[in-house]
Amino acid sequence: MRRYCFDCSQHYCDACSQLHWTIRPITSHKMIELGHQHVVLEELMANFPPDRCEKHAERSLKLYCNTCRRALCVACSVDAAHRSHDKDEVSPLAY
């Protein structure tokens, strides 16, 4: 069964996806099985939202801007656009 990893943005065969889950830094990656059914990207993104910043790809989303109602990385949170906004820490389980 083929799988798709949202964190790597890659498709994997069954053997590679099993290996993917054994490598410590990437064991938390979000993967789904791809069968014969048609998968709609918008539906996937709603169920598996990204946990990386769009502007700073190397940074995780750690804060939530209550004013803009969106998740932010630390670098974005100190940017002029969000500096004065009300923010909270994001729980890892919230993703």
C-alpha atoms as a PDB file:
ATOM      1  CA  MET A   1       0.000   0.000   0.000  1.00  0.00           C
ATOM      2  CA  ARG A   2       1.387   3.405  -0.933  1.00  0.00           C
ATOM      3  CA  ARG A   3       1.431   6.187   1.644  1.00  0.00           C
ATOM      4  CA  TYR A   4       1.839   9.939   1.533  1.00  0.00           C
ATOM      5  CA  CYS A   5       3.807  11.885   4.169  1.00  0.00           C
ATOM      6  CA  PHE A   6       2.540  15.423   4.724  1.00  0.00           C
ATOM      7  CA  ASP A   7       5.716  16.545   6.475  1.00  0.00           C
ATOM      8  CA  CYS A   8       8.020  15.362   3.679  1.00  0.00           C
ATOM      9  CA  SER A   9       5.494  15.996   0.878  1.00  0.00           C
ATOM     10  CA  GLN A  10       6.495  12.611  -0.575  1.00  0.00           C
ATOM     11  CA  HIS A  11       4.845   9.348  -1.601  1.00  0.00           C
ATOM     12  CA  TYR A  12       6.308   6.139  -0.132  1.00  0.00           C
ATOM     13  CA  CYS A  13       5.915   2.447  -0.919  1.00  0.00           C
ATOM     14  CA  ASP A  14       4.907   0.147   1.932  1.00  0.00           C
ATOM     15  CA  ALA A  15       8.482  -0.864   2.788  1.00  0.00           C
ATOM     16  CA  CYS A  16       9.767   2.727   2.838  1.00  0.00           C
ATOM     17  CA  SER A  17       6.795   4.007   4.837  1.00  0.00           C
ATOM     18  CA  GLN A  18       7.399   1.308   7.487  1.00  0.00           C
ATOM     19  CA  LEU A  19      11.036   2.389   7.686  1.00  0.00           C
ATOM     20  CA  HIS A  20       9.887   6.006   7.860  1.00  0.00           C
ATOM     21  CA  TRP A  21       8.156   5.296  11.179  1.00  0.00           C
ATOM     22  CA  THR A  22      11.290   3.791  12.737  1.00  0.00           C
ATOM     23  CA  ILE A  23      13.632   6.760  12.290  1.00  0.00           C
ATOM     24  CA  ARG A  24      13.440   8.794  15.493  1.00  0.00           C
ATOM     25  CA  PRO A  25      13.345  12.381  14.143  1.00  0.00           C
ATOM     26  CA  ILE A  26      10.521  11.572  11.733  1.00  0.00           C
ATOM     27  CA  THR A  27       8.379   9.109  13.694  1.00  0.00           C
ATOM     28  CA  SER A  28       5.820  11.850  14.363  1.00  0.00           C
ATOM     29  CA  HIS A  29       5.277  12.626  10.668  1.00  0.00           C
ATOM     30  CA  LYS A  30       1.670  12.509   9.509  1.00  0.00           C
ATOM     31  CA  MET A  31       1.091   9.835   6.861  1.00  0.00           C
ATOM     32  CA  ILE A  32      -2.013   8.438   5.181  1.00  0.00           C
ATOM     33  CA  GLU A  33      -2.577   5.287   3.170  1.00  0.00           C
ATOM     34  CA  LEU A  34      -3.368   5.868  -0.471  1.00  0.00           C
ATOM     35  CA  GLY A  35      -5.732   3.254  -1.876  1.00  0.00           C
ATOM     36  CA  HIS A  36      -7.635   3.324  -5.105  1.00  0.00           C
ATOM     37  CA  GLN A  37     -10.029   6.039  -3.931  1.00  0.00           C
ATOM     38  CA  HIS A  38      -9.657   9.608  -5.161  1.00  0.00           C
ATOM     39  CA  VAL A  39      -8.103  11.868  -2.502  1.00  0.00           C
ATOM     40  CA  VAL A  40      -9.039  15.560  -2.505  1.00  0.00           C
ATOM     41  CA  LEU A  41      -6.169  17.826  -1.414  1.00  0.00           C
ATOM     42  CA  GLU A  42      -8.468  20.320   0.355  1.00  0.00           C
ATOM     43  CA  GLU A  43      -9.969  17.479   2.368  1.00  0.00           C
ATOM     44  CA  LEU A  44      -6.513  16.224   3.348  1.00  0.00           C
ATOM     45  CA  MET A  45      -5.346  19.677   4.406  1.00  0.00           C
ATOM     46  CA  ALA A  46      -8.452  20.098   6.577  1.00  0.00           C
ATOM     47  CA  ASN A  47      -7.747  16.781   8.321  1.00  0.00           C
ATOM     48  CA  PHE A  48      -3.967  17.153   8.462  1.00  0.00           C
ATOM     49  CA  PRO A  49      -3.098  20.842   8.694  1.00  0.00           C
ATOM     50  CA  PRO A  50       0.592  21.680   8.253  1.00  0.00           C
ATOM     51  CA  ASP A  51       2.654  22.221  11.385  1.00  0.00           C
ATOM     52  CA  ARG A  52       5.357  24.241   9.609  1.00  0.00           C
ATOM     53  CA  CYS A  53       5.314  27.959   8.948  1.00  0.00           C
ATOM     54  CA  GLU A  54       4.560  28.928   5.347  1.00  0.00           C
ATOM     55  CA  LYS A  55       6.977  31.860   5.570  1.00  0.00           C
ATOM     56  CA  HIS A  56       9.729  30.103   7.590  1.00  0.00           C
ATOM     57  CA  ALA A  57       9.618  26.452   6.441  1.00  0.00           C
ATOM     58  CA  GLU A  58      12.229  25.344   8.978  1.00  0.00           C
ATOM     59  CA  ARG A  59      10.115  26.558  11.924  1.00  0.00           C
ATOM     60  CA  SER A  60       7.218  24.807  13.658  1.00  0.00           C
ATOM     61  CA  LEU A  61       3.970  26.569  14.459  1.00  0.00           C
ATOM     62  CA  LYS A  62       4.262  27.189  18.205  1.00  0.00           C
ATOM     63  CA  LEU A  63       1.849  30.083  18.825  1.00  0.00           C
ATOM     64  CA  TYR A  64      -1.726  31.000  17.989  1.00  0.00           C
ATOM     65  CA  CYS A  65      -2.606  34.598  17.140  1.00  0.00           C
ATOM     66  CA  ASN A  66      -6.036  35.180  18.668  1.00  0.00           C
ATOM     67  CA  THR A  67      -6.400  38.432  16.720  1.00  0.00           C
ATOM     68  CA  CYS A  68      -5.769  36.891  13.274  1.00  0.00           C
ATOM     69  CA  ARG A  69      -7.031  33.434  14.276  1.00  0.00           C
ATOM     70  CA  ARG A  70      -4.053  31.546  12.844  1.00  0.00           C
ATOM     71  CA  ALA A  71      -1.037  29.565  14.015  1.00  0.00           C
ATOM     72  CA  LEU A  72       2.373  31.258  13.942  1.00  0.00           C
ATOM     73  CA  CYS A  73       6.025  30.389  14.345  1.00  0.00           C
ATOM     74  CA  VAL A  74       8.096  32.380  16.829  1.00  0.00           C
ATOM     75  CA  ALA A  75       9.702  34.476  14.064  1.00  0.00           C
ATOM     76  CA  CYS A  76       6.290  35.521  12.705  1.00  0.00           C
ATOM     77  CA  SER A  77       5.020  36.329  16.198  1.00  0.00           C
ATOM     78  CA  VAL A  78       7.580  39.124  16.629  1.00  0.00           C
ATOM     79  CA  ASP A  79       6.994  40.470  13.121  1.00  0.00           C
ATOM     80  CA  ALA A  80       5.315  43.887  12.958  1.00  0.00           C
ATOM     81  CA  ALA A  81       2.098  42.303  11.650  1.00  0.00           C
ATOM     82  CA  HIS A  82       1.573  40.285  14.875  1.00  0.00           C
ATOM     83  CA  ARG A  83       3.783  41.974  17.462  1.00  0.00           C
ATOM     84  CA  SER A  84       0.975  43.675  19.376  1.00  0.00           C
ATOM     85  CA  HIS A  85      -1.583  40.870  18.925  1.00  0.00           C
ATOM     86  CA  ASP A  86      -2.872  38.586  21.679  1.00  0.00           C
ATOM     87  CA  LYS A  87      -1.132  35.188  21.335  1.00  0.00           C
ATOM     88  CA  ASP A  88      -1.202  31.829  23.118  1.00  0.00           C
ATOM     89  CA  GLU A  89       1.056  28.771  23.007  1.00  0.00           C
ATOM     90  CA  VAL A  90      -0.210  25.991  20.764  1.00  0.00           C
ATOM     91  CA  SER A  91      -0.515  22.517  22.283  1.00  0.00           C
ATOM     92  CA  PRO A  92       1.125  19.797  20.143  1.00  0.00           C
ATOM     93  CA  LEU A  93      -2.191  17.924  20.321  1.00  0.00           C
ATOM     94  CA  ALA A  94      -3.992  20.848  18.686  1.00  0.00           C
ATOM     95  CA  TYR A  95      -2.549  20.095  15.253  1.00  0.00           C
END
